[in-house]
Amino acid sequence: MKFKVVFEPSGEGGYTVYVPSLPGCISAGDTLEEALANIREAISLYLEEDELLQVPEKASVMEIVA
């Protein structure tokens, strides 16, 4: 799977990184390399958790804007 990630310089130094397509999937690191490694781990954990929250077969899922 491919995900776009956004790196933002942190005010304290280092980087905050998040995945726009995975709400709440955020990490950080002191260097770009560390932030990248950390977001890869966060994505992996996010997807494992998502598997635990599978929608029952007879249910429907919709995305709406209110």
PDB file of N, CA and C in Angstrom:
ATOM      1  N   MET A   1       0.843  -1.183   0.000  1.00  0.00           N
ATOM      2  CA  MET A   1       0.000   0.000   0.000  1.00  0.00           C
ATOM      3  C   MET A   1       0.882   1.237   0.000  1.00  0.00           C
ATOM      4  N   LYS A   2       0.396   2.272  -0.656  1.00  0.00           N
ATOM      5  CA  LYS A   2       1.106   3.534  -0.671  1.00  0.00           C
ATOM      6  C   LYS A   2       0.256   4.585   0.030  1.00  0.00           C
ATOM      7  N   PHE A   3       0.904   5.395   0.840  1.00  0.00           N
ATOM      8  CA  PHE A   3       0.235   6.482   1.539  1.00  0.00           C
ATOM      9  C   PHE A   3       1.046   7.757   1.366  1.00  0.00           C
ATOM     10  N   LYS A   4       0.363   8.862   1.188  1.00  0.00           N
ATOM     11  CA  LYS A   4       1.027  10.152   1.210  1.00  0.00           C
ATOM     12  C   LYS A   4       1.146  10.578   2.662  1.00  0.00           C
ATOM     13  N   VAL A   5       2.339  11.064   3.040  1.00  0.00           N
ATOM     14  CA  VAL A   5       2.553  11.547   4.397  1.00  0.00           C
ATOM     15  C   VAL A   5       3.013  12.997   4.327  1.00  0.00           C
ATOM     16  N   VAL A   6       2.674  13.755   5.356  1.00  0.00           N
ATOM     17  CA  VAL A   6       3.019  15.167   5.426  1.00  0.00           C
ATOM     18  C   VAL A   6       3.977  15.371   6.594  1.00  0.00           C
ATOM     19  N   PHE A   7       5.126  15.952   6.301  1.00  0.00           N
ATOM     20  CA  PHE A   7       6.123  16.279   7.324  1.00  0.00           C
ATOM     21  C   PHE A   7       6.043  17.773   7.603  1.00  0.00           C
ATOM     22  N   GLU A   8       5.915  18.143   8.864  1.00  0.00           N
ATOM     23  CA  GLU A   8       5.906  19.546   9.265  1.00  0.00           C
ATOM     24  C   GLU A   8       7.002  19.763  10.309  1.00  0.00           C
ATOM     25  N   PRO A   9       7.823  20.801  10.126  1.00  0.00           N
ATOM     26  CA  PRO A   9       8.826  21.097  11.150  1.00  0.00           C
ATOM     27  C   PRO A   9       8.132  21.408  12.473  1.00  0.00           C
ATOM     28  N   SER A  10       8.649  20.847  13.549  1.00  0.00           N
ATOM     29  CA  SER A  10       8.081  21.069  14.874  1.00  0.00           C
ATOM     30  C   SER A  10       8.737  22.288  15.504  1.00  0.00           C
ATOM     31  N   GLY A  11       7.984  23.034  16.290  1.00  0.00           N
ATOM     32  CA  GLY A  11       8.504  24.214  16.962  1.00  0.00           C
ATOM     33  C   GLY A  11       9.660  23.910  17.900  1.00  0.00           C
ATOM     34  N   GLU A  12       9.696  22.701  18.458  1.00  0.00           N
ATOM     35  CA  GLU A  12      10.750  22.299  19.388  1.00  0.00           C
ATOM     36  C   GLU A  12      11.919  21.645  18.660  1.00  0.00           C
ATOM     37  N   GLY A  13      11.857  21.583  17.353  1.00  0.00           N
ATOM     38  CA  GLY A  13      12.858  20.864  16.569  1.00  0.00           C
ATOM     39  C   GLY A  13      12.288  19.529  16.137  1.00  0.00           C
ATOM     40  N   GLY A  14      12.852  18.956  15.130  1.00  0.00           N
ATOM     41  CA  GLY A  14      12.351  17.690  14.627  1.00  0.00           C
ATOM     42  C   GLY A  14      11.145  17.897  13.724  1.00  0.00           C
ATOM     43  N   TYR A  15      10.387  16.835  13.533  1.00  0.00           N
ATOM     44  CA  TYR A  15       9.269  16.852  12.596  1.00  0.00           C
ATOM     45  C   TYR A  15       8.057  16.137  13.172  1.00  0.00           C
ATOM     46  N   THR A  16       6.895  16.667  12.840  1.00  0.00           N
ATOM     47  CA  THR A  16       5.633  15.979  13.060  1.00  0.00           C
ATOM     48  C   THR A  16       5.222  15.453  11.693  1.00  0.00           C
ATOM     49  N   VAL A  17       4.706  14.247  11.642  1.00  0.00           N
ATOM     50  CA  VAL A  17       4.306  13.648  10.372  1.00  0.00           C
ATOM     51  C   VAL A  17       2.942  12.999  10.543  1.00  0.00           C
ATOM     52  N   TYR A  18       2.076  13.158   9.523  1.00  0.00           N
ATOM     53  CA  TYR A  18       0.756  12.545   9.583  1.00  0.00           C
ATOM     54  C   TYR A  18       0.338  12.043   8.207  1.00  0.00           C
ATOM     55  N   VAL A  19      -0.690  11.207   8.212  1.00  0.00           N
ATOM     56  CA  VAL A  19      -1.201  10.583   6.996  1.00  0.00           C
ATOM     57  C   VAL A  19      -2.617  11.114   6.774  1.00  0.00           C
ATOM     58  N   PRO A  20      -2.805  12.008   5.801  1.00  0.00           N
ATOM     59  CA  PRO A  20      -4.137  12.596   5.593  1.00  0.00           C
ATOM     60  C   PRO A  20      -5.249  11.564   5.361  1.00  0.00           C
ATOM     61  N   SER A  21      -4.931  10.458   4.721  1.00  0.00           N
ATOM     62  CA  SER A  21      -5.967   9.461   4.425  1.00  0.00           C
ATOM     63  C   SER A  21      -6.280   8.538   5.603  1.00  0.00           C
ATOM     64  N   LEU A  22      -5.518   8.646   6.700  1.00  0.00           N
ATOM     65  CA  LEU A  22      -5.765   7.836   7.894  1.00  0.00           C
ATOM     66  C   LEU A  22      -5.951   8.775   9.084  1.00  0.00           C
ATOM     67  N   PRO A  23      -7.160   9.228   9.331  1.00  0.00           N
ATOM     68  CA  PRO A  23      -7.402  10.197  10.410  1.00  0.00           C
ATOM     69  C   PRO A  23      -6.829   9.739  11.753  1.00  0.00           C
ATOM     70  N   GLY A  24      -6.076  10.625  12.383  1.00  0.00           N
ATOM     71  CA  GLY A  24      -5.508  10.317  13.682  1.00  0.00           C
ATOM     72  C   GLY A  24      -4.182   9.585  13.631  1.00  0.00           C
ATOM     73  N   CYS A  25      -3.700   9.262  12.441  1.00  0.00           N
ATOM     74  CA  CYS A  25      -2.422   8.565  12.300  1.00  0.00           C
ATOM     75  C   CYS A  25      -1.319   9.618  12.236  1.00  0.00           C
ATOM     76  N   ILE A  26      -0.704   9.872  13.389  1.00  0.00           N
ATOM     77  CA  ILE A  26       0.278  10.944  13.549  1.00  0.00           C
ATOM     78  C   ILE A  26       1.480  10.393  14.293  1.00  0.00           C
ATOM     79  N   SER A  27       2.668  10.900  13.952  1.00  0.00           N
ATOM     80  CA  SER A  27       3.875  10.532  14.669  1.00  0.00           C
ATOM     81  C   SER A  27       4.856  11.696  14.593  1.00  0.00           C
ATOM     82  N   ALA A  28       6.068  11.483  15.078  1.00  0.00           N
ATOM     83  CA  ALA A  28       7.079  12.541  15.089  1.00  0.00           C
ATOM     84  C   ALA A  28       8.456  11.909  15.142  1.00  0.00           C
ATOM     85  N   GLY A  29       9.473  12.740  14.925  1.00  0.00           N
ATOM     86  CA  GLY A  29      10.848  12.289  15.040  1.00  0.00           C
ATOM     87  C   GLY A  29      11.798  13.468  15.037  1.00  0.00           C
ATOM     88  N   ASP A  30      12.977  13.258  15.576  1.00  0.00           N
ATOM     89  CA  ASP A  30      13.982  14.316  15.629  1.00  0.00           C
ATOM     90  C   ASP A  30      14.578  14.619  14.256  1.00  0.00           C
ATOM     91  N   THR A  31      14.583  13.618  13.362  1.00  0.00           N
ATOM     92  CA  THR A  31      15.091  13.790  12.003  1.00  0.00           C
ATOM     93  C   THR A  31      14.022  13.292  11.031  1.00  0.00           C
ATOM     94  N   LEU A  32      14.183  13.628   9.747  1.00  0.00           N
ATOM     95  CA  LEU A  32      13.244  13.119   8.744  1.00  0.00           C
ATOM     96  C   LEU A  32      13.253  11.589   8.724  1.00  0.00           C
ATOM     97  N   GLU A  33      14.440  11.002   8.837  1.00  0.00           N
ATOM     98  CA  GLU A  33      14.551   9.542   8.807  1.00  0.00           C
ATOM     99  C   GLU A  33      13.832   8.901   9.985  1.00  0.00           C
ATOM    100  N   GLU A  34      13.998   9.480  11.168  1.00  0.00           N
ATOM    101  CA  GLU A  34      13.328   8.954  12.359  1.00  0.00           C
ATOM    102  C   GLU A  34      11.821   9.137  12.247  1.00  0.00           C
ATOM    103  N   ALA A  35      11.383  10.305  11.772  1.00  0.00           N
ATOM    104  CA  ALA A  35       9.949  10.549  11.600  1.00  0.00           C
ATOM    105  C   ALA A  35       9.351   9.575  10.598  1.00  0.00           C
ATOM    106  N   LEU A  36      10.080   9.286   9.523  1.00  0.00           N
ATOM    107  CA  LEU A  36       9.605   8.338   8.516  1.00  0.00           C
ATOM    108  C   LEU A  36       9.477   6.941   9.102  1.00  0.00           C
ATOM    109  N   ALA A  37      10.478   6.507   9.843  1.00  0.00           N
ATOM    110  CA  ALA A  37      10.411   5.180  10.484  1.00  0.00           C
ATOM    111  C   ALA A  37       9.242   5.120  11.460  1.00  0.00           C
ATOM    112  N   ASN A  38       9.042   6.193  12.220  1.00  0.00           N
ATOM    113  CA  ASN A  38       7.962   6.206  13.210  1.00  0.00           C
ATOM    114  C   ASN A  38       6.591   6.208  12.552  1.00  0.00           C
ATOM    115  N   ILE A  39       6.427   6.933  11.435  1.00  0.00           N
ATOM    116  CA  ILE A  39       5.099   6.951  10.790  1.00  0.00           C
ATOM    117  C   ILE A  39       4.826   5.610  10.114  1.00  0.00           C
ATOM    118  N   ARG A  40       5.870   4.938   9.636  1.00  0.00           N
ATOM    119  CA  ARG A  40       5.651   3.588   9.081  1.00  0.00           C
ATOM    120  C   ARG A  40       5.098   2.657  10.155  1.00  0.00           C
ATOM    121  N   GLU A  41       5.670   2.743  11.344  1.00  0.00           N
ATOM    122  CA  GLU A  41       5.182   1.919  12.460  1.00  0.00           C
ATOM    123  C   GLU A  41       3.753   2.320  12.834  1.00  0.00           C
ATOM    124  N   ALA A  42       3.477   3.625  12.859  1.00  0.00           N
ATOM    125  CA  ALA A  42       2.133   4.109  13.202  1.00  0.00           C
ATOM    126  C   ALA A  42       1.109   3.632  12.178  1.00  0.00           C
ATOM    127  N   ILE A  43       1.475   3.652  10.899  1.00  0.00           N
ATOM    128  CA  ILE A  43       0.558   3.170   9.849  1.00  0.00           C
ATOM    129  C   ILE A  43       0.278   1.691  10.059  1.00  0.00           C
ATOM    130  N   SER A  44       1.309   0.912  10.339  1.00  0.00           N
ATOM    131  CA  SER A  44       1.134  -0.517  10.565  1.00  0.00           C
ATOM    132  C   SER A  44       0.181  -0.779  11.727  1.00  0.00           C
ATOM    133  N   LEU A  45       0.385  -0.073  12.831  1.00  0.00           N
ATOM    134  CA  LEU A  45      -0.492  -0.236  13.999  1.00  0.00           C
ATOM    135  C   LEU A  45      -1.908   0.242  13.694  1.00  0.00           C
ATOM    136  N   TYR A  46      -2.035   1.332  12.967  1.00  0.00           N
ATOM    137  CA  TYR A  46      -3.343   1.867  12.595  1.00  0.00           C
ATOM    138  C   TYR A  46      -4.113   0.825  11.788  1.00  0.00           C
ATOM    139  N   LEU A  47      -3.449   0.222  10.820  1.00  0.00           N
ATOM    140  CA  LEU A  47      -4.125  -0.761   9.970  1.00  0.00           C
ATOM    141  C   LEU A  47      -4.486  -2.019  10.741  1.00  0.00           C
ATOM    142  N   GLU A  48      -3.640  -2.439  11.686  1.00  0.00           N
ATOM    143  CA  GLU A  48      -3.983  -3.598  12.527  1.00  0.00           C
ATOM    144  C   GLU A  48      -5.225  -3.298  13.348  1.00  0.00           C
ATOM    145  N   GLU A  49      -5.294  -2.099  13.927  1.00  0.00           N
ATOM    146  CA  GLU A  49      -6.457  -1.704  14.726  1.00  0.00           C
ATOM    147  C   GLU A  49      -7.696  -1.641  13.851  1.00  0.00           C
ATOM    148  N   ASP A  50      -7.530  -1.130  12.620  1.00  0.00           N
ATOM    149  CA  ASP A  50      -8.649  -1.020  11.692  1.00  0.00           C
ATOM    150  C   ASP A  50      -9.239  -2.396  11.386  1.00  0.00           C
ATOM    151  N   GLU A  51      -8.384  -3.415  11.307  1.00  0.00           N
ATOM    152  CA  GLU A  51      -8.871  -4.769  11.057  1.00  0.00           C
ATOM    153  C   GLU A  51      -9.747  -5.256  12.200  1.00  0.00           C
ATOM    154  N   LEU A  52      -9.463  -4.823  13.413  1.00  0.00           N
ATOM    155  CA  LEU A  52     -10.272  -5.217  14.565  1.00  0.00           C
ATOM    156  C   LEU A  52     -11.647  -4.559  14.550  1.00  0.00           C
ATOM    157  N   LEU A  53     -11.766  -3.456  13.825  1.00  0.00           N
ATOM    158  CA  LEU A  53     -13.012  -2.697  13.782  1.00  0.00           C
ATOM    159  C   LEU A  53     -13.783  -2.942  12.483  1.00  0.00           C
ATOM    160  N   GLN A  54     -13.671  -4.127  11.937  1.00  0.00           N
ATOM    161  CA  GLN A  54     -14.349  -4.438  10.691  1.00  0.00           C
ATOM    162  C   GLN A  54     -15.863  -4.323  10.863  1.00  0.00           C
ATOM    163  N   VAL A  55     -16.496  -3.811   9.836  1.00  0.00           N
ATOM    164  CA  VAL A  55     -17.947  -3.636   9.842  1.00  0.00           C
ATOM    165  C   VAL A  55     -18.600  -4.984   9.565  1.00  0.00           C
ATOM    166  N   PRO A  56     -19.646  -5.325  10.324  1.00  0.00           N
ATOM    167  CA  PRO A  56     -20.345  -6.586  10.061  1.00  0.00           C
ATOM    168  C   PRO A  56     -20.835  -6.659   8.626  1.00  0.00           C
ATOM    169  N   GLU A  57     -20.925  -7.866   8.092  1.00  0.00           N
ATOM    170  CA  GLU A  57     -21.250  -8.079   6.680  1.00  0.00           C
ATOM    171  C   GLU A  57     -22.548  -7.392   6.243  1.00  0.00           C
ATOM    172  N   LYS A  58     -23.583  -7.363   7.088  1.00  0.00           N
ATOM    173  CA  LYS A  58     -24.871  -6.796   6.705  1.00  0.00           C
ATOM    174  C   LYS A  58     -24.953  -5.286   6.926  1.00  0.00           C
ATOM    175  N   ALA A  59     -23.929  -4.693   7.478  1.00  0.00           N
ATOM    176  CA  ALA A  59     -23.945  -3.250   7.748  1.00  0.00           C
ATOM    177  C   ALA A  59     -23.467  -2.475   6.528  1.00  0.00           C
ATOM    178  N   SER A  60     -23.760  -1.179   6.503  1.00  0.00           N
ATOM    179  CA  SER A  60     -23.279  -0.296   5.456  1.00  0.00           C
ATOM    180  C   SER A  60     -22.474   0.824   6.053  1.00  0.00           C
ATOM    181  N   VAL A  61     -21.564   1.342   5.278  1.00  0.00           N
ATOM    182  CA  VAL A  61     -20.742   2.461   5.711  1.00  0.00           C
ATOM    183  C   VAL A  61     -20.895   3.567   4.688  1.00  0.00           C
ATOM    184  N   MET A  62     -21.145   4.784   5.178  1.00  0.00           N
ATOM    185  CA  MET A  62     -21.249   5.959   4.316  1.00  0.00           C
ATOM    186  C   MET A  62     -20.423   7.075   4.897  1.00  0.00           C
ATOM    187  N   GLU A  63     -19.867   7.887   4.031  1.00  0.00           N
ATOM    188  CA  GLU A  63     -19.140   9.062   4.475  1.00  0.00           C
ATOM    189  C   GLU A  63     -19.991  10.263   4.114  1.00  0.00           C
ATOM    190  N   ILE A  64     -20.305  11.120   5.089  1.00  0.00           N
ATOM    191  CA  ILE A  64     -21.150  12.276   4.824  1.00  0.00           C
ATOM    192  C   ILE A  64     -20.462  13.545   5.306  1.00  0.00           C
ATOM    193  N   VAL A  65     -20.906  14.629   4.767  1.00  0.00           N
ATOM    194  CA  VAL A  65     -20.434  15.933   5.214  1.00  0.00           C
ATOM    195  C   VAL A  65     -21.632  16.661   5.792  1.00  0.00           C
ATOM    196  N   ALA A  66     -21.496  17.167   7.018  1.00  0.00           N
ATOM    197  CA  ALA A  66     -22.615  17.851   7.659  1.00  0.00           C
ATOM    198  C   ALA A  66     -22.325  19.333   7.779  1.00  0.00           C
TER     199      ALA A  66
END
